[in-house]
Amino acid sequence: MIGPLLRVAATAAAARTLRTAAHDAAMRAMLALGAALAVGVGALCLTCSAYIVLARSLDPAAAWAIVGAFWGVIGLLYFLSVANRRRRG
């Protein structure tokens, strides 16, 4: 008589734990997605503002070249940091 009742209680506790873990994972995924979206929008806005400021004193092609070189350096630094992290293990 006690065995089935304990099994039902254990199953309910395990289901509650799984629901909590699933909720935490979903919240972390949503926060990561929101942070990535915020970084993307921020990078786009800063790129546009840098282009506008540079285009006032330079021609548009030179302004795009400077902005592109900046993002190229950022991408290279990111690539090197990922490669270094993978090499270390």
PDB file of N, CA and C in Angstrom:
ATOM      1  N   MET A   1       0.818  -1.193   0.000  1.00  0.00           N
ATOM      2  CA  MET A   1       0.000   0.000   0.000  1.00  0.00           C
ATOM      3  C   MET A   1       0.866   1.262   0.000  1.00  0.00           C
ATOM      4  N   ILE A   2       1.917   1.277   0.783  1.00  0.00           N
ATOM      5  CA  ILE A   2       2.786   2.448   0.890  1.00  0.00           C
ATOM      6  C   ILE A   2       3.635   2.611  -0.370  1.00  0.00           C
ATOM      7  N   GLY A   3       4.044   1.507  -0.982  1.00  0.00           N
ATOM      8  CA  GLY A   3       4.905   1.545  -2.170  1.00  0.00           C
ATOM      9  C   GLY A   3       4.308   2.365  -3.310  1.00  0.00           C
ATOM     10  N   PRO A   4       3.067   2.083  -3.727  1.00  0.00           N
ATOM     11  CA  PRO A   4       2.486   2.867  -4.814  1.00  0.00           C
ATOM     12  C   PRO A   4       2.309   4.350  -4.466  1.00  0.00           C
ATOM     13  N   LEU A   5       1.974   4.643  -3.217  1.00  0.00           N
ATOM     14  CA  LEU A   5       1.848   6.040  -2.803  1.00  0.00           C
ATOM     15  C   LEU A   5       3.189   6.762  -2.856  1.00  0.00           C
ATOM     16  N   LEU A   6       4.241   6.100  -2.418  1.00  0.00           N
ATOM     17  CA  LEU A   6       5.573   6.690  -2.494  1.00  0.00           C
ATOM     18  C   LEU A   6       5.999   6.891  -3.952  1.00  0.00           C
ATOM     19  N   ARG A   7       5.649   5.936  -4.814  1.00  0.00           N
ATOM     20  CA  ARG A   7       5.973   6.051  -6.238  1.00  0.00           C
ATOM     21  C   ARG A   7       5.259   7.252  -6.862  1.00  0.00           C
ATOM     22  N   VAL A   8       3.982   7.469  -6.498  1.00  0.00           N
ATOM     23  CA  VAL A   8       3.227   8.612  -7.016  1.00  0.00           C
ATOM     24  C   VAL A   8       3.833   9.922  -6.511  1.00  0.00           C
ATOM     25  N   ALA A   9       4.213   9.970  -5.257  1.00  0.00           N
ATOM     26  CA  ALA A   9       4.817  11.177  -4.696  1.00  0.00           C
ATOM     27  C   ALA A   9       6.171  11.452  -5.344  1.00  0.00           C
ATOM     28  N   ALA A  10       6.955  10.411  -5.577  1.00  0.00           N
ATOM     29  CA  ALA A  10       8.262  10.589  -6.209  1.00  0.00           C
ATOM     30  C   ALA A  10       8.111  11.046  -7.654  1.00  0.00           C
ATOM     31  N   THR A  11       7.108  10.504  -8.346  1.00  0.00           N
ATOM     32  CA  THR A  11       6.868  10.908  -9.733  1.00  0.00           C
ATOM     33  C   THR A  11       6.441  12.368  -9.801  1.00  0.00           C
ATOM     34  N   ALA A  12       5.597  12.800  -8.890  1.00  0.00           N
ATOM     35  CA  ALA A  12       5.163  14.193  -8.864  1.00  0.00           C
ATOM     36  C   ALA A  12       6.332  15.123  -8.557  1.00  0.00           C
ATOM     37  N   ALA A  13       7.184  14.725  -7.628  1.00  0.00           N
ATOM     38  CA  ALA A  13       8.352  15.556  -7.298  1.00  0.00           C
ATOM     39  C   ALA A  13       9.319  15.626  -8.477  1.00  0.00           C
ATOM     40  N   ALA A  14       9.512  14.507  -9.164  1.00  0.00           N
ATOM     41  CA  ALA A  14      10.409  14.496 -10.320  1.00  0.00           C
ATOM     42  C   ALA A  14       9.840  15.349 -11.444  1.00  0.00           C
ATOM     43  N   ALA A  15       8.527  15.297 -11.651  1.00  0.00           N
ATOM     44  CA  ALA A  15       7.898  16.107 -12.700  1.00  0.00           C
ATOM     45  C   ALA A  15       8.022  17.588 -12.374  1.00  0.00           C
ATOM     46  N   ARG A  16       7.876  17.956 -11.126  1.00  0.00           N
ATOM     47  CA  ARG A  16       8.020  19.348 -10.710  1.00  0.00           C
ATOM     48  C   ARG A  16       9.455  19.823 -10.946  1.00  0.00           C
ATOM     49  N   THR A  17      10.427  18.973 -10.621  1.00  0.00           N
ATOM     50  CA  THR A  17      11.823  19.311 -10.848  1.00  0.00           C
ATOM     51  C   THR A  17      12.105  19.482 -12.339  1.00  0.00           C
ATOM     52  N   LEU A  18      11.554  18.608 -13.169  1.00  0.00           N
ATOM     53  CA  LEU A  18      11.747  18.714 -14.609  1.00  0.00           C
ATOM     54  C   LEU A  18      11.088  19.973 -15.164  1.00  0.00           C
ATOM     55  N   ARG A  19       9.904  20.306 -14.670  1.00  0.00           N
ATOM     56  CA  ARG A  19       9.241  21.533 -15.121  1.00  0.00           C
ATOM     57  C   ARG A  19      10.054  22.765 -14.747  1.00  0.00           C
ATOM     58  N   THR A  20      10.603  22.771 -13.543  1.00  0.00           N
ATOM     59  CA  THR A  20      11.427  23.897 -13.103  1.00  0.00           C
ATOM     60  C   THR A  20      12.687  24.011 -13.957  1.00  0.00           C
ATOM     61  N   ALA A  21      13.318  22.876 -14.237  1.00  0.00           N
ATOM     62  CA  ALA A  21      14.527  22.893 -15.063  1.00  0.00           C
ATOM     63  C   ALA A  21      14.208  23.350 -16.481  1.00  0.00           C
ATOM     64  N   ALA A  22      13.085  22.905 -17.035  1.00  0.00           N
ATOM     65  CA  ALA A  22      12.697  23.320 -18.379  1.00  0.00           C
ATOM     66  C   ALA A  22      12.385  24.814 -18.417  1.00  0.00           C
ATOM     67  N   HIS A  23      11.733  25.315 -17.391  1.00  0.00           N
ATOM     68  CA  HIS A  23      11.427  26.738 -17.316  1.00  0.00           C
ATOM     69  C   HIS A  23      12.712  27.559 -17.226  1.00  0.00           C
ATOM     70  N   ASP A  24      13.660  27.117 -16.399  1.00  0.00           N
ATOM     71  CA  ASP A  24      14.936  27.825 -16.283  1.00  0.00           C
ATOM     72  C   ASP A  24      15.691  27.824 -17.604  1.00  0.00           C
ATOM     73  N   ALA A  25      15.697  26.695 -18.308  1.00  0.00           N
ATOM     74  CA  ALA A  25      16.387  26.611 -19.599  1.00  0.00           C
ATOM     75  C   ALA A  25      15.725  27.522 -20.627  1.00  0.00           C
ATOM     76  N   ALA A  26      14.411  27.561 -20.634  1.00  0.00           N
ATOM     77  CA  ALA A  26      13.701  28.432 -21.577  1.00  0.00           C
ATOM     78  C   ALA A  26      13.970  29.904 -21.274  1.00  0.00           C
ATOM     79  N   MET A  27      14.002  30.268 -20.001  1.00  0.00           N
ATOM     80  CA  MET A  27      14.274  31.653 -19.635  1.00  0.00           C
ATOM     81  C   MET A  27      15.697  32.056 -20.011  1.00  0.00           C
ATOM     82  N   ARG A  28      16.649  31.161 -19.800  1.00  0.00           N
ATOM     83  CA  ARG A  28      18.028  31.468 -20.177  1.00  0.00           C
ATOM     84  C   ARG A  28      18.162  31.610 -21.687  1.00  0.00           C
ATOM     85  N   ALA A  29      17.474  30.773 -22.437  1.00  0.00           N
ATOM     86  CA  ALA A  29      17.522  30.874 -23.900  1.00  0.00           C
ATOM     87  C   ALA A  29      16.899  32.188 -24.362  1.00  0.00           C
ATOM     88  N   MET A  30      15.792  32.588 -23.763  1.00  0.00           N
ATOM     89  CA  MET A  30      15.151  33.848 -24.139  1.00  0.00           C
ATOM     90  C   MET A  30      16.040  35.040 -23.779  1.00  0.00           C
ATOM     91  N   LEU A  31      16.688  34.995 -22.623  1.00  0.00           N
ATOM     92  CA  LEU A  31      17.591  36.075 -22.232  1.00  0.00           C
ATOM     93  C   LEU A  31      18.794  36.151 -23.167  1.00  0.00           C
ATOM     94  N   ALA A  32      19.333  34.994 -23.565  1.00  0.00           N
ATOM     95  CA  ALA A  32      20.465  34.989 -24.497  1.00  0.00           C
ATOM     96  C   ALA A  32      20.039  35.533 -25.852  1.00  0.00           C
ATOM     97  N   LEU A  33      18.848  35.167 -26.307  1.00  0.00           N
ATOM     98  CA  LEU A  33      18.340  35.671 -27.577  1.00  0.00           C
ATOM     99  C   LEU A  33      18.121  37.178 -27.511  1.00  0.00           C
ATOM    100  N   GLY A  34      17.561  37.657 -26.417  1.00  0.00           N
ATOM    101  CA  GLY A  34      17.354  39.089 -26.242  1.00  0.00           C
ATOM    102  C   GLY A  34      18.669  39.850 -26.188  1.00  0.00           C
ATOM    103  N   ALA A  35      19.660  39.288 -25.510  1.00  0.00           N
ATOM    104  CA  ALA A  35      20.971  39.944 -25.433  1.00  0.00           C
ATOM    105  C   ALA A  35      21.630  39.986 -26.808  1.00  0.00           C
ATOM    106  N   ALA A  36      21.523  38.902 -27.569  1.00  0.00           N
ATOM    107  CA  ALA A  36      22.098  38.877 -28.921  1.00  0.00           C
ATOM    108  C   ALA A  36      21.409  39.894 -29.819  1.00  0.00           C
ATOM    109  N   LEU A  37      20.109  40.007 -29.713  1.00  0.00           N
ATOM    110  CA  LEU A  37      19.373  40.988 -30.502  1.00  0.00           C
ATOM    111  C   LEU A  37      19.787  42.414 -30.110  1.00  0.00           C
ATOM    112  N   ALA A  38      19.944  42.666 -28.827  1.00  0.00           N
ATOM    113  CA  ALA A  38      20.362  43.993 -28.368  1.00  0.00           C
ATOM    114  C   ALA A  38      21.764  44.343 -28.860  1.00  0.00           C
ATOM    115  N   VAL A  39      22.667  43.376 -28.843  1.00  0.00           N
ATOM    116  CA  VAL A  39      24.024  43.611 -29.335  1.00  0.00           C
ATOM    117  C   VAL A  39      23.999  43.886 -30.835  1.00  0.00           C
ATOM    118  N   GLY A  40      23.194  43.136 -31.576  1.00  0.00           N
ATOM    119  CA  GLY A  40      23.093  43.348 -33.018  1.00  0.00           C
ATOM    120  C   GLY A  40      22.535  44.719 -33.370  1.00  0.00           C
ATOM    121  N   VAL A  41      21.484  45.111 -32.700  1.00  0.00           N
ATOM    122  CA  VAL A  41      20.885  46.425 -32.958  1.00  0.00           C
ATOM    123  C   VAL A  41      21.850  47.537 -32.549  1.00  0.00           C
ATOM    124  N   GLY A  42      22.531  47.360 -31.434  1.00  0.00           N
ATOM    125  CA  GLY A  42      23.512  48.348 -30.991  1.00  0.00           C
ATOM    126  C   GLY A  42      24.666  48.489 -31.976  1.00  0.00           C
ATOM    127  N   ALA A  43      25.146  47.351 -32.493  1.00  0.00           N
ATOM    128  CA  ALA A  43      26.228  47.403 -33.475  1.00  0.00           C
ATOM    129  C   ALA A  43      25.773  48.088 -34.754  1.00  0.00           C
ATOM    130  N   LEU A  44      24.545  47.812 -35.170  1.00  0.00           N
ATOM    131  CA  LEU A  44      24.014  48.454 -36.377  1.00  0.00           C
ATOM    132  C   LEU A  44      23.883  49.962 -36.178  1.00  0.00           C
ATOM    133  N   CYS A  45      23.354  50.377 -35.055  1.00  0.00           N
ATOM    134  CA  CYS A  45      23.193  51.814 -34.787  1.00  0.00           C
ATOM    135  C   CYS A  45      24.543  52.517 -34.681  1.00  0.00           C
ATOM    136  N   LEU A  46      25.496  51.903 -33.992  1.00  0.00           N
ATOM    137  CA  LEU A  46      26.810  52.519 -33.872  1.00  0.00           C
ATOM    138  C   LEU A  46      27.525  52.570 -35.220  1.00  0.00           C
ATOM    139  N   THR A  47      27.335  51.560 -36.049  1.00  0.00           N
ATOM    140  CA  THR A  47      27.930  51.567 -37.383  1.00  0.00           C
ATOM    141  C   THR A  47      27.353  52.705 -38.220  1.00  0.00           C
ATOM    142  N   CYS A  48      26.046  52.851 -38.178  1.00  0.00           N
ATOM    143  CA  CYS A  48      25.410  53.939 -38.941  1.00  0.00           C
ATOM    144  C   CYS A  48      25.857  55.310 -38.440  1.00  0.00           C
ATOM    145  N   SER A  49      25.937  55.484 -37.141  1.00  0.00           N
ATOM    146  CA  SER A  49      26.357  56.787 -36.615  1.00  0.00           C
ATOM    147  C   SER A  49      27.822  57.063 -36.932  1.00  0.00           C
ATOM    148  N   ALA A  50      28.671  56.044 -36.879  1.00  0.00           N
ATOM    149  CA  ALA A  50      30.078  56.240 -37.238  1.00  0.00           C
ATOM    150  C   ALA A  50      30.203  56.604 -38.707  1.00  0.00           C
ATOM    151  N   TYR A  51      29.414  55.953 -39.555  1.00  0.00           N
ATOM    152  CA  TYR A  51      29.445  56.283 -40.984  1.00  0.00           C
ATOM    153  C   TYR A  51      29.007  57.726 -41.223  1.00  0.00           C
ATOM    154  N   ILE A  52      27.954  58.150 -40.558  1.00  0.00           N
ATOM    155  CA  ILE A  52      27.456  59.525 -40.741  1.00  0.00           C
ATOM    156  C   ILE A  52      28.504  60.542 -40.322  1.00  0.00           C
ATOM    157  N   VAL A  53      29.150  60.293 -39.171  1.00  0.00           N
ATOM    158  CA  VAL A  53      30.176  61.219 -38.696  1.00  0.00           C
ATOM    159  C   VAL A  53      31.363  61.244 -39.652  1.00  0.00           C
ATOM    160  N   LEU A  54      31.786  60.071 -40.124  1.00  0.00           N
ATOM    161  CA  LEU A  54      32.931  60.016 -41.029  1.00  0.00           C
ATOM    162  C   LEU A  54      32.604  60.590 -42.401  1.00  0.00           C
ATOM    163  N   ALA A  55      31.386  60.384 -42.866  1.00  0.00           N
ATOM    164  CA  ALA A  55      31.009  60.857 -44.202  1.00  0.00           C
ATOM    165  C   ALA A  55      30.940  62.381 -44.261  1.00  0.00           C
ATOM    166  N   ARG A  56      30.781  63.032 -43.123  1.00  0.00           N
ATOM    167  CA  ARG A  56      30.758  64.503 -43.120  1.00  0.00           C
ATOM    168  C   ARG A  56      32.126  65.082 -43.429  1.00  0.00           C
ATOM    169  N   SER A  57      33.180  64.405 -42.997  1.00  0.00           N
ATOM    170  CA  SER A  57      34.520  64.950 -43.214  1.00  0.00           C
ATOM    171  C   SER A  57      35.275  64.235 -44.342  1.00  0.00           C
ATOM    172  N   LEU A  58      34.841  63.044 -44.734  1.00  0.00           N
ATOM    173  CA  LEU A  58      35.478  62.287 -45.802  1.00  0.00           C
ATOM    174  C   LEU A  58      34.445  61.989 -46.885  1.00  0.00           C
ATOM    175  N   ASP A  59      34.907  61.414 -47.988  1.00  0.00           N
ATOM    176  CA  ASP A  59      33.928  60.981 -48.979  1.00  0.00           C
ATOM    177  C   ASP A  59      33.300  59.664 -48.507  1.00  0.00           C
ATOM    178  N   PRO A  60      32.123  59.302 -49.034  1.00  0.00           N
ATOM    179  CA  PRO A  60      31.421  58.108 -48.544  1.00  0.00           C
ATOM    180  C   PRO A  60      32.214  56.810 -48.692  1.00  0.00           C
ATOM    181  N   ALA A  61      32.980  56.675 -49.752  1.00  0.00           N
ATOM    182  CA  ALA A  61      33.753  55.439 -49.934  1.00  0.00           C
ATOM    183  C   ALA A  61      34.804  55.284 -48.841  1.00  0.00           C
ATOM    184  N   ALA A  62      35.469  56.356 -48.490  1.00  0.00           N
ATOM    185  CA  ALA A  62      36.474  56.300 -47.427  1.00  0.00           C
ATOM    186  C   ALA A  62      35.818  56.021 -46.075  1.00  0.00           C
ATOM    187  N   ALA A  63      34.642  56.582 -45.869  1.00  0.00           N
ATOM    188  CA  ALA A  63      33.931  56.325 -44.610  1.00  0.00           C
ATOM    189  C   ALA A  63      33.553  54.854 -44.495  1.00  0.00           C
ATOM    190  N   TRP A  64      33.042  54.261 -45.587  1.00  0.00           N
ATOM    191  CA  TRP A  64      32.706  52.835 -45.566  1.00  0.00           C
ATOM    192  C   TRP A  64      33.956  51.986 -45.395  1.00  0.00           C
ATOM    193  N   ALA A  65      35.072  52.404 -45.981  1.00  0.00           N
ATOM    194  CA  ALA A  65      36.313  51.649 -45.831  1.00  0.00           C
ATOM    195  C   ALA A  65      36.778  51.639 -44.384  1.00  0.00           C
ATOM    196  N   ILE A  66      36.666  52.763 -43.711  1.00  0.00           N
ATOM    197  CA  ILE A  66      37.078  52.831 -42.309  1.00  0.00           C
ATOM    198  C   ILE A  66      36.162  51.983 -41.439  1.00  0.00           C
ATOM    199  N   VAL A  67      34.863  52.085 -41.669  1.00  0.00           N
ATOM    200  CA  VAL A  67      33.908  51.281 -40.882  1.00  0.00           C
ATOM    201  C   VAL A  67      34.124  49.792 -41.154  1.00  0.00           C
ATOM    202  N   GLY A  68      34.323  49.432 -42.421  1.00  0.00           N
ATOM    203  CA  GLY A  68      34.572  48.033 -42.768  1.00  0.00           C
ATOM    204  C   GLY A  68      35.865  47.509 -42.178  1.00  0.00           C
ATOM    205  N   ALA A  69      36.906  48.331 -42.174  1.00  0.00           N
ATOM    206  CA  ALA A  69      38.179  47.915 -41.570  1.00  0.00           C
ATOM    207  C   ALA A  69      38.011  47.697 -40.068  1.00  0.00           C
ATOM    208  N   PHE A  70      37.236  48.563 -39.418  1.00  0.00           N
ATOM    209  CA  PHE A  70      36.987  48.390 -37.981  1.00  0.00           C
ATOM    210  C   PHE A  70      36.325  47.044 -37.710  1.00  0.00           C
ATOM    211  N   TRP A  71      35.249  46.730 -38.455  1.00  0.00           N
ATOM    212  CA  TRP A  71      34.560  45.464 -38.233  1.00  0.00           C
ATOM    213  C   TRP A  71      35.412  44.278 -38.652  1.00  0.00           C
ATOM    214  N   GLY A  72      36.285  44.473 -39.629  1.00  0.00           N
ATOM    215  CA  GLY A  72      37.216  43.406 -39.996  1.00  0.00           C
ATOM    216  C   GLY A  72      38.186  43.088 -38.877  1.00  0.00           C
ATOM    217  N   VAL A  73      38.697  44.119 -38.218  1.00  0.00           N
ATOM    218  CA  VAL A  73      39.605  43.915 -37.086  1.00  0.00           C
ATOM    219  C   VAL A  73      38.860  43.242 -35.930  1.00  0.00           C
ATOM    220  N   ILE A  74      37.646  43.669 -35.675  1.00  0.00           N
ATOM    221  CA  ILE A  74      36.847  43.035 -34.610  1.00  0.00           C
ATOM    222  C   ILE A  74      36.619  41.552 -34.922  1.00  0.00           C
ATOM    223  N   GLY A  75      36.274  41.246 -36.173  1.00  0.00           N
ATOM    224  CA  GLY A  75      36.075  39.852 -36.567  1.00  0.00           C
ATOM    225  C   GLY A  75      37.349  39.033 -36.458  1.00  0.00           C
ATOM    226  N   LEU A  76      38.484  39.620 -36.831  1.00  0.00           N
ATOM    227  CA  LEU A  76      39.762  38.921 -36.718  1.00  0.00           C
ATOM    228  C   LEU A  76      40.096  38.636 -35.258  1.00  0.00           C
ATOM    229  N   LEU A  77      39.889  39.611 -34.390  1.00  0.00           N
ATOM    230  CA  LEU A  77      40.150  39.391 -32.968  1.00  0.00           C
ATOM    231  C   LEU A  77      39.246  38.308 -32.387  1.00  0.00           C
ATOM    232  N   TYR A  78      37.993  38.287 -32.810  1.00  0.00           N
ATOM    233  CA  TYR A  78      37.079  37.242 -32.343  1.00  0.00           C
ATOM    234  C   TYR A  78      37.538  35.876 -32.835  1.00  0.00           C
ATOM    235  N   PHE A  79      37.913  35.804 -34.112  1.00  0.00           N
ATOM    236  CA  PHE A  79      38.384  34.532 -34.675  1.00  0.00           C
ATOM    237  C   PHE A  79      39.621  34.042 -33.928  1.00  0.00           C
ATOM    238  N   LEU A  80      40.566  34.936 -33.650  1.00  0.00           N
ATOM    239  CA  LEU A  80      41.769  34.534 -32.932  1.00  0.00           C
ATOM    240  C   LEU A  80      41.464  34.079 -31.513  1.00  0.00           C
ATOM    241  N   SER A  81      40.509  34.734 -30.852  1.00  0.00           N
ATOM    242  CA  SER A  81      40.169  34.319 -29.487  1.00  0.00           C
ATOM    243  C   SER A  81      39.498  32.949 -29.479  1.00  0.00           C
ATOM    244  N   VAL A  82      38.641  32.670 -30.470  1.00  0.00           N
ATOM    245  CA  VAL A  82      37.994  31.353 -30.551  1.00  0.00           C
ATOM    246  C   VAL A  82      39.017  30.285 -30.880  1.00  0.00           C
ATOM    247  N   ALA A  83      39.919  30.571 -31.813  1.00  0.00           N
ATOM    248  CA  ALA A  83      40.955  29.597 -32.171  1.00  0.00           C
ATOM    249  C   ALA A  83      41.869  29.317 -30.986  1.00  0.00           C
ATOM    250  N   ASN A  84      42.207  30.340 -30.242  1.00  0.00           N
ATOM    251  CA  ASN A  84      43.059  30.169 -29.074  1.00  0.00           C
ATOM    252  C   ASN A  84      42.359  29.355 -27.990  1.00  0.00           C
ATOM    253  N   ARG A  85      41.069  29.598 -27.805  1.00  0.00           N
ATOM    254  CA  ARG A  85      40.301  28.863 -26.810  1.00  0.00           C
ATOM    255  C   ARG A  85      40.198  27.383 -27.176  1.00  0.00           C
ATOM    256  N   ARG A  86      40.013  27.080 -28.462  1.00  0.00           N
ATOM    257  CA  ARG A  86      39.905  25.682 -28.888  1.00  0.00           C
ATOM    258  C   ARG A  86      41.233  24.969 -28.792  1.00  0.00           C
ATOM    259  N   ARG A  87      42.320  25.692 -29.032  1.00  0.00           N
ATOM    260  CA  ARG A  87      43.632  25.067 -28.955  1.00  0.00           C
ATOM    261  C   ARG A  87      43.977  24.693 -27.537  1.00  0.00           C
ATOM    262  N   ARG A  88      43.541  25.510 -26.577  1.00  0.00           N
ATOM    263  CA  ARG A  88      43.820  25.222 -25.166  1.00  0.00           C
ATOM    264  C   ARG A  88      42.991  24.055 -24.651  1.00  0.00           C
ATOM    265  N   GLY A  89      41.867  23.831 -25.285  1.00  0.00           N
ATOM    266  CA  GLY A  89      41.055  22.697 -24.857  1.00  0.00           C
ATOM    267  C   GLY A  89      39.825  23.124 -24.270  1.00  0.00           C
TER     268      GLY A  89
END
